Amino acid sequence: MASKIKTVLIDLSGTLHIDNTVIPGAVEALNRLRRADLHIKFVTNTTKESKTSLHGRLINLGFEIKKEEIFSSLSAAREAIISRKLNPHLLIDPAAMEDFEDLIMTEPFDAVVVGLAPDKFNYEELNKAFRLLLNGASLIAVHEGRYYKRQDGLALGPGAFVKGLEYSANVKSEVIGKPTPEFFNTALGGIPPEEAVMIGDDVKDDIGGAQAVGIKGFLVQTGKYRPGDENIITPPPTQLCPSFVEAVEEVLQMVAKK
């Protein structure tokens, strides 16, 4: 099993960093992983900022990451909008709008796209989305994250607001990001899932989603992790690691067993 590892998928927020704070040892651990001649991709549900902004943040934090190595749920949502020729009403954080600025977004809207947008999760904005859904617009969830980790603690993710819109408008959303099989299979880029490892802090979206398609899941006890999360999913995570540093060590040991 160990000899087949060729690809490592890595979550960002909560795994490598929390806002502008680096998980201790993460920069050095990533550098060690790169020297192992593995294919690395950073997979994230982050919708708080554009890919350019996110990449700049990671570089400023000291990570050596290429922009094209980042595969985000925002990127997947953009591809879905373009391929289906949708004209969406976007409940997206202003910092992430750069990824959609070249798309026409004027009424009449035929879709509602929801990401993490705290400033837009108010009655007027949500009611506008609700009315669009009643009039036939489709509901697209960039992801359905329950919560995420900020410097001041856990905070509500977009999932609660997506579920509220589903309930009130009697519709079902289409989820684009993690933990959908399509997201992980696209991120693999043709690599067989049994030759990949996913490292993340979200037991359902990162680990459960990855393992559902055959990727080994390494759950780290940082970010949004809460004690006992490893018991929530079946099968449990392939590995439970204190942080990204120990997860990288486990991967390197697997590779060394060739």
Protein backbone atom coordinates (compact mmCIF):
# COMPACT_ATOMS: atom_id res chain seq x y z
CA MET A 1 0.00 0.00 0.00
CA ALA A 2 2.72 2.48 0.99
CA SER A 3 4.63 2.08 -2.28
CA LYS A 4 1.72 3.44 -4.28
CA ILE A 5 1.55 6.93 -2.78
CA LYS A 6 2.09 9.44 -5.60
CA THR A 7 -0.20 12.36 -4.74
CA VAL A 8 -0.87 14.34 -1.58
CA LEU A 9 -3.95 16.56 -1.36
CA ILE A 10 -3.67 19.21 1.36
CA ASP A 11 -6.34 21.36 2.93
CA LEU A 12 -5.35 24.95 3.69
CA SER A 13 -7.31 26.77 6.40
CA GLY A 14 -7.00 24.93 9.70
CA THR A 15 -4.37 22.57 8.30
CA LEU A 16 -1.54 24.86 7.17
CA HIS A 17 -2.73 28.12 8.70
CA ILE A 18 -5.51 29.84 10.63
CA ASP A 19 -6.15 33.28 9.13
CA ASN A 20 -2.68 34.85 9.14
CA THR A 21 -1.12 32.47 11.65
CA VAL A 22 0.90 29.48 10.42
CA ILE A 23 0.38 26.11 12.08
CA PRO A 24 3.71 25.57 13.89
CA GLY A 25 6.19 23.68 11.71
CA ALA A 26 3.91 23.62 8.65
CA VAL A 27 6.23 25.57 6.33
CA GLU A 28 9.17 23.28 7.05
CA ALA A 29 7.00 20.15 6.80
CA LEU A 30 5.71 21.19 3.38
CA ASN A 31 9.27 21.75 2.19
CA ARG A 32 10.17 18.22 3.35
CA LEU A 33 7.18 16.80 1.50
CA ARG A 34 8.21 18.50 -1.73
CA ARG A 35 11.62 16.87 -1.58
CA ALA A 36 9.93 13.44 -1.68
CA ASP A 37 9.05 13.81 -5.38
CA LEU A 38 5.31 13.62 -4.81
CA HIS A 39 2.57 15.39 -6.73
CA ILE A 40 1.05 18.00 -4.38
CA LYS A 41 -2.23 19.85 -4.74
CA PHE A 42 -3.91 22.18 -2.28
CA VAL A 43 -7.65 21.60 -2.14
CA THR A 44 -9.78 24.09 -0.30
CA ASN A 45 -13.37 25.09 0.30
CA THR A 46 -12.22 28.59 1.24
CA THR A 47 -14.57 31.14 -0.31
CA LYS A 48 -13.57 34.17 1.76
CA GLU A 49 -11.13 35.44 -0.87
CA SER A 50 -10.16 35.04 -4.50
CA LYS A 51 -7.51 32.56 -5.58
CA THR A 52 -5.08 35.43 -6.22
CA SER A 53 -5.65 36.85 -2.75
CA LEU A 54 -5.39 33.42 -1.13
CA HIS A 55 -2.17 32.65 -2.99
CA GLY A 56 -0.69 35.99 -1.89
CA ARG A 57 -1.61 35.26 1.72
CA LEU A 58 0.09 31.87 1.63
CA ILE A 59 3.24 33.31 0.06
CA ASN A 60 3.35 36.04 2.71
CA LEU A 61 3.06 33.36 5.39
CA GLY A 62 6.18 31.69 4.01
CA PHE A 63 4.71 28.80 2.00
CA GLU A 64 6.25 27.97 -1.38
CA ILE A 65 3.07 27.35 -3.33
CA LYS A 66 2.30 27.94 -6.99
CA LYS A 67 -1.05 29.47 -7.82
CA GLU A 68 -1.87 26.64 -10.22
CA GLU A 69 -1.42 24.12 -7.39
CA ILE A 70 -4.52 25.48 -5.64
CA PHE A 71 -7.84 23.85 -6.53
CA SER A 72 -10.69 25.61 -4.79
CA SER A 73 -14.43 25.18 -4.61
CA LEU A 74 -14.69 28.72 -6.02
CA SER A 75 -12.80 27.56 -9.12
CA ALA A 76 -15.16 24.62 -9.48
CA ALA A 77 -18.19 26.90 -9.06
CA ARG A 78 -16.87 29.28 -11.70
CA GLU A 79 -16.40 26.38 -14.13
CA ALA A 80 -19.97 25.21 -13.47
CA ILE A 81 -21.38 28.70 -14.07
CA ILE A 82 -19.52 29.08 -17.36
CA SER A 83 -20.23 25.59 -18.67
CA ARG A 84 -23.96 25.91 -17.96
CA LYS A 85 -24.16 29.53 -19.11
CA LEU A 86 -25.78 30.59 -15.84
CA ASN A 87 -26.44 34.15 -14.77
CA PRO A 88 -26.12 33.87 -10.99
CA HIS A 89 -26.98 36.01 -8.04
CA LEU A 90 -23.86 35.62 -5.91
CA LEU A 91 -23.87 35.45 -2.13
CA ILE A 92 -20.08 35.61 -2.13
CA ASP A 93 -17.69 37.61 0.03
CA PRO A 94 -16.53 40.82 -1.73
CA ALA A 95 -12.93 39.63 -1.36
CA ALA A 96 -13.74 36.61 -3.52
CA MET A 97 -15.59 38.47 -6.26
CA GLU A 98 -12.41 38.83 -8.31
CA ASP A 99 -12.88 35.24 -9.45
CA PHE A 100 -16.26 36.16 -11.00
CA GLU A 101 -15.79 39.76 -12.13
CA ASP A 102 -15.71 38.89 -15.84
CA LEU A 103 -19.06 37.10 -15.69
CA ILE A 104 -22.27 38.96 -16.45
CA MET A 105 -24.32 39.20 -13.28
CA THR A 106 -27.40 41.32 -13.95
CA GLU A 107 -31.07 40.48 -13.55
CA PRO A 108 -32.88 38.31 -14.38
CA PHE A 109 -30.91 35.77 -12.36
CA ASP A 110 -31.38 32.05 -12.99
CA ALA A 111 -29.24 30.73 -10.12
CA VAL A 112 -28.27 31.55 -6.55
CA VAL A 113 -24.67 30.74 -5.64
CA VAL A 114 -23.80 30.67 -1.94
CA GLY A 115 -20.30 30.81 -0.48
CA LEU A 116 -19.00 32.08 2.84
CA ALA A 117 -20.22 35.66 2.88
CA PRO A 118 -20.81 36.90 6.46
CA ASP A 119 -21.68 40.44 5.36
CA LYS A 120 -24.40 39.10 3.06
CA PHE A 121 -25.99 36.68 5.47
CA ASN A 122 -28.65 39.17 6.53
CA TYR A 123 -32.41 39.17 6.13
CA GLU A 124 -32.62 41.36 3.00
CA GLU A 125 -29.97 39.45 1.06
CA LEU A 126 -31.26 36.03 2.08
CA ASN A 127 -34.85 37.04 1.33
CA LYS A 128 -33.84 38.16 -2.16
CA ALA A 129 -32.22 34.78 -2.72
CA PHE A 130 -35.32 33.06 -1.34
CA ARG A 131 -37.58 34.87 -3.82
CA LEU A 132 -35.32 34.00 -6.74
CA LEU A 133 -35.50 30.35 -5.76
CA LEU A 134 -39.29 30.55 -5.57
CA ASN A 135 -39.25 31.89 -9.13
CA GLY A 136 -37.30 28.91 -10.41
CA ALA A 137 -33.64 29.79 -9.89
CA SER A 138 -31.36 26.87 -9.02
CA LEU A 139 -29.46 26.81 -5.73
CA ILE A 140 -25.72 26.13 -5.90
CA ALA A 141 -23.70 25.75 -2.71
CA VAL A 142 -20.00 26.40 -3.23
CA HIS A 143 -19.80 24.16 -0.19
CA GLU A 144 -21.90 23.29 2.85
CA GLY A 145 -19.27 23.74 5.57
CA ARG A 146 -20.84 23.67 9.02
CA TYR A 147 -18.21 25.86 10.64
CA TYR A 148 -14.61 26.99 10.30
CA LYS A 149 -11.84 28.16 12.62
CA ARG A 150 -11.03 31.84 13.13
CA GLN A 151 -8.56 33.39 15.52
CA ASP A 152 -11.40 34.08 17.98
CA GLY A 153 -12.83 30.54 17.77
CA LEU A 154 -15.24 28.52 15.61
CA ALA A 155 -17.62 30.43 13.35
CA LEU A 156 -20.69 29.44 11.32
CA GLY A 157 -20.02 28.28 7.79
CA PRO A 158 -22.33 28.73 4.79
CA GLY A 159 -24.01 25.35 5.33
CA ALA A 160 -26.50 26.74 7.84
CA PHE A 161 -27.69 29.39 5.37
CA VAL A 162 -27.82 26.96 2.45
CA LYS A 163 -30.00 24.63 4.52
CA GLY A 164 -32.23 27.53 5.53
CA LEU A 165 -32.81 28.46 1.89
CA GLU A 166 -33.48 24.83 1.01
CA TYR A 167 -36.05 24.57 3.76
CA SER A 168 -37.88 27.81 3.04
CA ALA A 169 -37.91 27.54 -0.76
CA ASN A 170 -38.48 23.77 -0.79
CA VAL A 171 -35.51 23.16 -3.09
CA LYS A 172 -32.36 21.05 -2.98
CA SER A 173 -28.95 22.62 -3.48
CA GLU A 174 -26.20 21.32 -5.70
CA VAL A 175 -22.95 21.17 -3.76
CA ILE A 176 -19.80 21.97 -5.74
CA GLY A 177 -16.85 21.69 -3.33
CA LYS A 178 -15.70 19.15 -0.75
CA PRO A 179 -16.89 16.51 0.09
CA THR A 180 -18.36 15.74 -3.34
CA PRO A 181 -16.76 12.89 -5.33
CA GLU A 182 -16.54 15.15 -8.39
CA PHE A 183 -14.38 17.65 -6.50
CA PHE A 184 -11.90 15.04 -5.30
CA ASN A 185 -11.74 13.20 -8.62
CA THR A 186 -11.06 16.45 -10.46
CA ALA A 187 -8.36 17.35 -7.95
CA LEU A 188 -6.67 13.97 -8.53
CA GLY A 189 -6.28 14.76 -12.21
CA GLY A 190 -6.36 11.12 -13.30
CA ILE A 191 -4.24 9.69 -10.47
CA PRO A 192 -5.91 6.57 -9.02
CA PRO A 193 -7.39 7.43 -5.60
CA GLU A 194 -5.62 4.53 -3.91
CA GLU A 195 -2.33 6.27 -4.75
CA ALA A 196 -3.31 9.45 -2.91
CA VAL A 197 -3.50 10.84 0.62
CA MET A 198 -5.71 13.68 1.84
CA ILE A 199 -4.54 15.75 4.82
CA GLY A 200 -7.16 17.97 6.47
CA ASP A 201 -8.83 19.17 9.66
CA ASP A 202 -12.47 18.58 8.69
CA VAL A 203 -13.43 14.98 9.42
CA LYS A 204 -16.46 15.03 7.10
CA ASP A 205 -15.53 17.33 4.22
CA ASP A 206 -11.81 16.49 4.03
CA ILE A 207 -11.51 12.96 5.37
CA GLY A 208 -14.94 11.45 4.85
CA GLY A 209 -15.20 12.88 1.35
CA ALA A 210 -11.73 11.69 0.37
CA GLN A 211 -12.14 8.20 1.79
CA ALA A 212 -15.50 7.82 0.03
CA VAL A 213 -13.65 7.81 -3.31
CA GLY A 214 -10.77 5.65 -2.09
CA ILE A 215 -8.23 8.26 -0.95
CA LYS A 216 -6.47 7.68 2.38
CA GLY A 217 -7.52 10.29 4.94
CA PHE A 218 -5.13 11.84 7.46
CA LEU A 219 -7.07 13.90 10.02
CA VAL A 220 -5.07 16.59 11.83
CA GLN A 221 -6.01 17.81 15.31
CA THR A 222 -5.75 21.51 14.46
CA GLY A 223 -8.13 24.07 13.02
CA LYS A 224 -11.76 23.01 13.32
CA TYR A 225 -10.91 19.59 14.76
CA ARG A 226 -12.80 18.77 17.97
CA PRO A 227 -12.02 15.87 20.30
CA GLY A 228 -13.83 12.75 19.13
CA ASP A 229 -14.21 13.85 15.50
CA GLU A 230 -12.35 10.73 14.44
CA ASN A 231 -15.28 8.65 15.68
CA ILE A 232 -17.88 10.47 13.59
CA ILE A 233 -17.21 8.77 10.26
CA THR A 234 -17.13 5.13 9.17
CA PRO A 235 -14.56 3.94 8.35
CA PRO A 236 -12.51 6.14 10.68
CA PRO A 237 -9.60 8.22 9.35
CA THR A 238 -6.66 6.24 8.02
CA GLN A 239 -4.44 8.23 10.38
CA LEU A 240 -5.05 10.67 13.24
CA CYS A 241 -2.20 13.16 13.57
CA PRO A 242 -1.58 16.00 16.04
CA SER A 243 -0.79 18.41 13.18
CA PHE A 244 0.34 18.71 9.57
CA VAL A 245 3.91 18.10 10.71
CA GLU A 246 3.13 14.59 11.97
CA ALA A 247 0.92 13.87 8.96
CA VAL A 248 3.82 14.65 6.63
CA GLU A 249 6.06 12.36 8.68
CA GLU A 250 3.54 9.53 8.25
CA VAL A 251 3.42 10.09 4.49
CA LEU A 252 7.20 10.13 4.21
CA GLN A 253 7.44 6.89 6.15
CA MET A 254 4.94 5.28 3.79
CA VAL A 255 6.94 6.44 0.77
CA ALA A 256 10.20 5.23 2.33
CA LYS A 257 8.79 1.68 2.57
CA LYS A 258 8.97 1.22 -1.20
